[in-house]
Amino acid sequence: MDFATIIGVLFAFGMVLMGIMSGGPLSLFINTPSLLIVLGGTLGIVFINFPLRDLFGMIGVVKNVFITQKRDSQALIPTFVDFATRARREGILALESAAGELRDPFFKQGLELVIDGLEPQSIREILETEIEHIEQRHNKGADVFTSLGTYAPAMGMVGTLIGLVQMLQSMSDPSSIGPAMAVALITTFYGSILANMVALPMAGKLTMRSREEALEKGMIIEGIMSISAGDNPRIVERKLHSYLAPVLRESSVRQSRGE
């Protein structure tokens, strides 16, 4: 569970609700026509903009905003050092049994390519292509939320224009001016809430998740290429340390020294 997302949602919506209720009842900000214009209009535009397969895939993407996969890039370094040591002592074929035990499909695929004896350049190209396709799949989810964040304020403005037209057409009836003005203003409010408190933050979170995964897979590629080249285990360790933040790098060095 990503507690940062949960805390952010509760805090953001909680503060907005407190601000609303401190100045009047919450019912003042509930308007069915405004919801229909913003939600219905925005969803309709998104359906126009994206194929159905991408939209149906959003069900699995949304959970990635609230559920985070534990990524311990630091733990990969001892594994690669061990593999590099075994490969230098016993030959690359000695890693065949270890490859079968790996849970990470990307790591397993890279190590199997090395064991199969492919050229280093071919191995790098295959793995980098895999990363590109993974990023493209992840970016589709972020793109949908970005589109929601882009179109929601626009639909809020459409609702505002509708409310103003209704208000201007009924200026002779003072009792109808208030409801029309409510539609005009609340649709803009709904559009801003949907864009800035839901869609765009989710798009940002998904983009960050994709970058974290790409960085970890880049680290795996570097380790795979070092094993393929027969690098000294200490060189492998130093190369992989460059992918860690300075604090994690120092901690990893201390662990490798047994401190």
Protein backbone atom coordinates (compact mmCIF):
# COMPACT_ATOMS: atom_id res chain seq x y z
CA MET A 1 0.00 0.00 0.00
CA ASP A 2 1.29 3.44 -0.93
CA PHE A 3 0.63 5.44 2.24
CA ALA A 4 1.83 8.68 0.63
CA THR A 5 -1.03 8.49 -1.87
CA ILE A 6 -3.58 7.63 0.83
CA ILE A 7 -2.40 10.47 3.07
CA GLY A 8 -2.37 12.90 0.16
CA VAL A 9 -5.94 12.05 -0.88
CA LEU A 10 -7.28 12.27 2.68
CA PHE A 11 -5.43 15.51 3.43
CA ALA A 12 -6.30 17.28 0.16
CA PHE A 13 -9.99 16.39 0.13
CA GLY A 14 -10.23 16.85 3.91
CA MET A 15 -8.90 20.41 3.76
CA VAL A 16 -11.22 21.30 0.87
CA LEU A 17 -14.25 19.88 2.70
CA MET A 18 -13.30 21.75 5.87
CA GLY A 19 -12.98 24.97 3.89
CA ILE A 20 -16.38 24.41 2.28
CA MET A 21 -18.20 23.51 5.49
CA SER A 22 -16.69 26.39 7.42
CA GLY A 23 -18.52 28.81 5.11
CA GLY A 24 -21.82 26.99 4.66
CA PRO A 25 -23.49 23.62 4.16
CA LEU A 26 -21.92 21.07 1.82
CA SER A 27 -25.18 20.82 -0.10
CA LEU A 28 -24.43 24.19 -1.72
CA PHE A 29 -21.67 22.48 -3.74
CA ILE A 30 -23.78 19.55 -4.92
CA ASN A 31 -25.29 20.20 -8.33
CA THR A 32 -26.45 17.37 -10.60
CA PRO A 33 -26.36 19.28 -13.92
CA SER A 34 -22.79 20.38 -13.20
CA LEU A 35 -21.72 16.80 -12.46
CA LEU A 36 -23.32 15.59 -15.68
CA ILE A 37 -21.54 18.22 -17.73
CA VAL A 38 -18.08 17.72 -16.22
CA LEU A 39 -18.00 13.97 -15.59
CA GLY A 40 -20.06 12.93 -18.58
CA GLY A 41 -18.39 15.34 -20.96
CA THR A 42 -14.87 14.51 -19.81
CA LEU A 43 -15.40 10.74 -19.97
CA GLY A 44 -16.97 11.08 -23.41
CA ILE A 45 -13.97 13.01 -24.72
CA VAL A 46 -11.57 10.44 -23.26
CA PHE A 47 -13.48 7.67 -25.05
CA ILE A 48 -13.06 9.62 -28.26
CA ASN A 49 -9.36 10.13 -27.64
CA PHE A 50 -8.33 6.56 -26.70
CA PRO A 51 -9.17 3.07 -27.99
CA LEU A 52 -11.30 0.85 -25.76
CA ARG A 53 -8.47 -1.57 -24.98
CA ASP A 54 -6.49 1.24 -23.35
CA LEU A 55 -9.48 2.40 -21.31
CA PHE A 56 -10.31 -1.11 -20.13
CA GLY A 57 -6.67 -1.48 -19.13
CA MET A 58 -7.11 1.45 -16.75
CA ILE A 59 -8.69 -0.86 -14.18
CA GLY A 60 -5.35 -2.53 -13.60
CA VAL A 61 -3.45 0.74 -13.84
CA VAL A 62 -5.38 2.58 -11.15
CA LYS A 63 -4.30 0.10 -8.47
CA ASN A 64 -0.67 1.00 -9.18
CA VAL A 65 -1.41 4.47 -7.81
CA PHE A 66 -2.43 3.09 -4.43
CA ILE A 67 -0.37 -0.12 -4.29
CA THR A 68 3.38 0.08 -4.66
CA GLN A 69 5.69 -2.78 -5.49
CA LYS A 70 8.65 -3.01 -3.17
CA ARG A 71 11.79 -2.33 -5.18
CA ASP A 72 15.08 -3.04 -3.45
CA SER A 73 17.70 -2.14 -6.03
CA GLN A 74 20.32 -2.28 -3.31
CA ALA A 75 19.68 -6.01 -2.86
CA LEU A 76 20.52 -6.66 -6.51
CA ILE A 77 24.17 -5.73 -6.02
CA PRO A 78 25.19 -8.74 -3.85
CA THR A 79 23.33 -11.01 -6.30
CA PHE A 80 25.26 -9.67 -9.27
CA VAL A 81 28.55 -9.80 -7.38
CA ASP A 82 27.87 -13.45 -6.53
CA PHE A 83 26.96 -14.26 -10.14
CA ALA A 84 30.06 -12.48 -11.45
CA THR A 85 32.25 -14.42 -9.00
CA ARG A 86 30.73 -17.77 -9.99
CA ALA A 87 30.96 -16.96 -13.70
CA ARG A 88 34.67 -16.15 -13.43
CA ARG A 89 35.46 -19.23 -11.38
CA GLU A 90 33.22 -21.87 -12.95
CA GLY A 91 32.21 -20.42 -16.29
CA ILE A 92 29.03 -18.77 -17.44
CA LEU A 93 27.15 -22.08 -17.70
CA ALA A 94 27.40 -22.39 -13.92
CA LEU A 95 24.67 -19.71 -13.68
CA GLU A 96 22.08 -21.81 -15.50
CA SER A 97 20.55 -23.19 -12.32
CA ALA A 98 20.57 -19.72 -10.72
CA ALA A 99 18.70 -18.26 -13.71
CA GLY A 100 15.89 -20.74 -13.25
CA GLU A 101 15.41 -19.60 -9.65
CA LEU A 102 15.08 -15.88 -10.44
CA ARG A 103 11.63 -14.39 -9.88
CA ASP A 104 12.18 -11.23 -11.91
CA PRO A 105 11.31 -12.13 -15.55
CA PHE A 106 13.49 -9.32 -16.92
CA PHE A 107 16.52 -10.37 -14.86
CA LYS A 108 15.92 -14.02 -15.80
CA GLN A 109 15.64 -13.20 -19.49
CA GLY A 110 18.88 -11.21 -19.49
CA LEU A 111 20.85 -13.89 -17.68
CA GLU A 112 19.53 -16.60 -20.02
CA LEU A 113 20.65 -14.55 -23.01
CA VAL A 114 24.16 -14.42 -21.56
CA ILE A 115 24.14 -18.15 -20.87
CA ASP A 116 22.99 -18.80 -24.45
CA GLY A 117 26.10 -17.03 -25.68
CA LEU A 118 24.55 -14.09 -27.53
CA GLU A 119 26.74 -11.16 -28.49
CA PRO A 120 26.82 -8.39 -25.85
CA GLN A 121 25.43 -5.81 -28.28
CA SER A 122 22.51 -8.08 -29.15
CA ILE A 123 21.78 -8.68 -25.47
CA ARG A 124 21.74 -4.94 -24.76
CA GLU A 125 19.47 -4.24 -27.73
CA ILE A 126 16.98 -6.94 -26.70
CA LEU A 127 16.81 -5.76 -23.09
CA GLU A 128 16.61 -2.06 -23.96
CA THR A 129 13.81 -2.79 -26.42
CA GLU A 130 11.98 -4.61 -23.62
CA ILE A 131 12.32 -1.53 -21.40
CA GLU A 132 10.98 0.71 -24.16
CA HIS A 133 7.88 -1.46 -24.55
CA ILE A 134 7.31 -1.55 -20.79
CA GLU A 135 7.54 2.25 -20.63
CA GLN A 136 5.11 2.58 -23.53
CA ARG A 137 2.57 0.38 -21.75
CA HIS A 138 2.95 2.34 -18.53
CA ASN A 139 2.72 5.69 -20.31
CA LYS A 140 -0.67 4.77 -21.74
CA GLY A 141 -2.17 4.83 -18.26
CA ALA A 142 -0.50 8.12 -17.41
CA ASP A 143 -1.66 9.57 -20.74
CA VAL A 144 -5.30 8.73 -19.98
CA PHE A 145 -5.13 10.52 -16.63
CA THR A 146 -3.29 13.45 -18.20
CA SER A 147 -6.07 13.74 -20.75
CA LEU A 148 -8.64 13.68 -17.95
CA GLY A 149 -6.75 16.48 -16.24
CA THR A 150 -6.62 18.45 -19.48
CA TYR A 151 -10.25 18.10 -20.52
CA ALA A 152 -11.95 18.38 -17.12
CA PRO A 153 -11.26 22.13 -16.69
CA ALA A 154 -12.31 22.67 -20.32
CA MET A 155 -15.64 20.95 -19.64
CA GLY A 156 -15.93 23.08 -16.52
CA MET A 157 -15.67 26.16 -18.74
CA VAL A 158 -18.30 24.68 -21.08
CA GLY A 159 -20.61 24.31 -18.07
CA THR A 160 -19.86 27.89 -17.08
CA LEU A 161 -20.85 29.13 -20.53
CA ILE A 162 -24.05 27.06 -20.40
CA GLY A 163 -24.93 28.54 -17.02
CA LEU A 164 -24.25 32.08 -18.21
CA VAL A 165 -26.40 31.60 -21.31
CA GLN A 166 -29.25 30.29 -19.16
CA MET A 167 -28.84 33.17 -16.76
CA LEU A 168 -28.84 35.82 -19.47
CA GLN A 169 -31.94 34.33 -21.09
CA SER A 170 -33.87 34.50 -17.84
CA MET A 171 -32.85 37.90 -16.51
CA SER A 172 -36.51 38.86 -16.36
CA ASP A 173 -37.10 36.13 -13.76
CA PRO A 174 -34.93 36.85 -10.72
CA SER A 175 -35.72 33.46 -9.15
CA SER A 176 -33.97 31.61 -11.99
CA ILE A 177 -30.77 33.63 -11.90
CA GLY A 178 -29.41 31.90 -8.80
CA PRO A 179 -29.64 28.27 -10.08
CA ALA A 180 -28.20 29.25 -13.45
CA MET A 181 -25.28 31.04 -11.79
CA ALA A 182 -24.71 27.99 -9.56
CA VAL A 183 -24.33 25.78 -12.63
CA ALA A 184 -21.97 28.35 -14.14
CA LEU A 185 -19.65 28.43 -11.13
CA ILE A 186 -19.86 24.89 -9.77
CA THR A 187 -18.97 23.28 -13.09
CA THR A 188 -15.68 25.18 -13.05
CA PHE A 189 -15.18 24.01 -9.47
CA TYR A 190 -15.84 20.37 -10.39
CA GLY A 191 -13.52 20.56 -13.38
CA SER A 192 -10.69 21.96 -11.25
CA ILE A 193 -11.19 19.34 -8.54
CA LEU A 194 -11.22 16.46 -11.02
CA ALA A 195 -8.13 17.73 -12.83
CA ASN A 196 -5.92 18.98 -10.00
CA MET A 197 -6.85 16.65 -7.16
CA VAL A 198 -7.49 13.39 -9.01
CA ALA A 199 -6.33 13.04 -12.62
CA LEU A 200 -3.04 14.96 -12.78
CA PRO A 201 -1.66 13.65 -9.45
CA MET A 202 -2.45 10.09 -10.56
CA ALA A 203 -0.70 10.69 -13.89
CA GLY A 204 2.33 12.00 -12.00
CA LYS A 205 2.39 8.98 -9.70
CA LEU A 206 2.20 6.54 -12.62
CA THR A 207 5.00 8.39 -14.43
CA MET A 208 7.17 8.20 -11.31
CA ARG A 209 6.46 4.46 -10.97
CA SER A 210 7.52 3.93 -14.60
CA ARG A 211 10.77 5.84 -14.07
CA GLU A 212 11.60 3.83 -10.95
CA GLU A 213 11.08 0.56 -12.80
CA ALA A 214 13.10 1.75 -15.80
CA LEU A 215 15.97 2.76 -13.50
CA GLU A 216 15.98 -0.64 -11.82
CA LYS A 217 15.92 -2.43 -15.15
CA GLY A 218 18.76 -0.22 -16.40
CA MET A 219 20.73 -1.36 -13.37
CA ILE A 220 19.97 -4.98 -14.27
CA ILE A 221 21.18 -4.41 -17.84
CA GLU A 222 24.45 -2.99 -16.53
CA GLY A 223 24.95 -6.00 -14.30
CA ILE A 224 24.09 -8.44 -17.09
CA MET A 225 26.54 -6.75 -19.47
CA SER A 226 29.28 -6.84 -16.83
CA ILE A 227 28.78 -10.58 -16.33
CA SER A 228 28.80 -11.10 -20.09
CA ALA A 229 32.08 -9.19 -20.33
CA GLY A 230 33.62 -11.22 -17.49
CA ASP A 231 34.27 -8.15 -15.32
CA ASN A 232 35.85 -8.46 -11.92
CA PRO A 233 33.16 -8.71 -9.18
CA ARG A 234 34.49 -5.53 -7.54
CA ILE A 235 34.13 -3.65 -10.81
CA VAL A 236 30.58 -4.97 -11.14
CA GLU A 237 29.83 -3.72 -7.64
CA ARG A 238 31.22 -0.25 -8.35
CA LYS A 239 29.25 0.05 -11.58
CA LEU A 240 25.99 -0.86 -9.90
CA HIS A 241 26.58 1.49 -6.98
CA SER A 242 26.32 4.40 -9.40
CA TYR A 243 22.59 3.64 -9.76
CA LEU A 244 21.94 4.13 -6.04
CA ALA A 245 21.30 7.34 -4.15
CA PRO A 246 24.36 8.50 -2.13
CA VAL A 247 22.86 7.42 1.21
CA LEU A 248 21.99 3.94 -0.10
CA ARG A 249 25.39 3.73 -1.78
CA GLU A 250 27.22 4.28 1.50
CA SER A 251 24.96 1.77 3.27
CA SER A 252 25.60 -0.83 0.57
CA VAL A 253 29.37 -0.34 0.81
CA ARG A 254 29.25 -0.84 4.59
CA GLN A 255 27.21 -4.01 4.20
CA SER A 256 29.64 -5.44 1.63
CA ARG A 257 32.48 -4.80 4.09
CA GLY A 258 30.55 -6.49 6.90
CA GLU A 259 30.36 -3.32 8.99
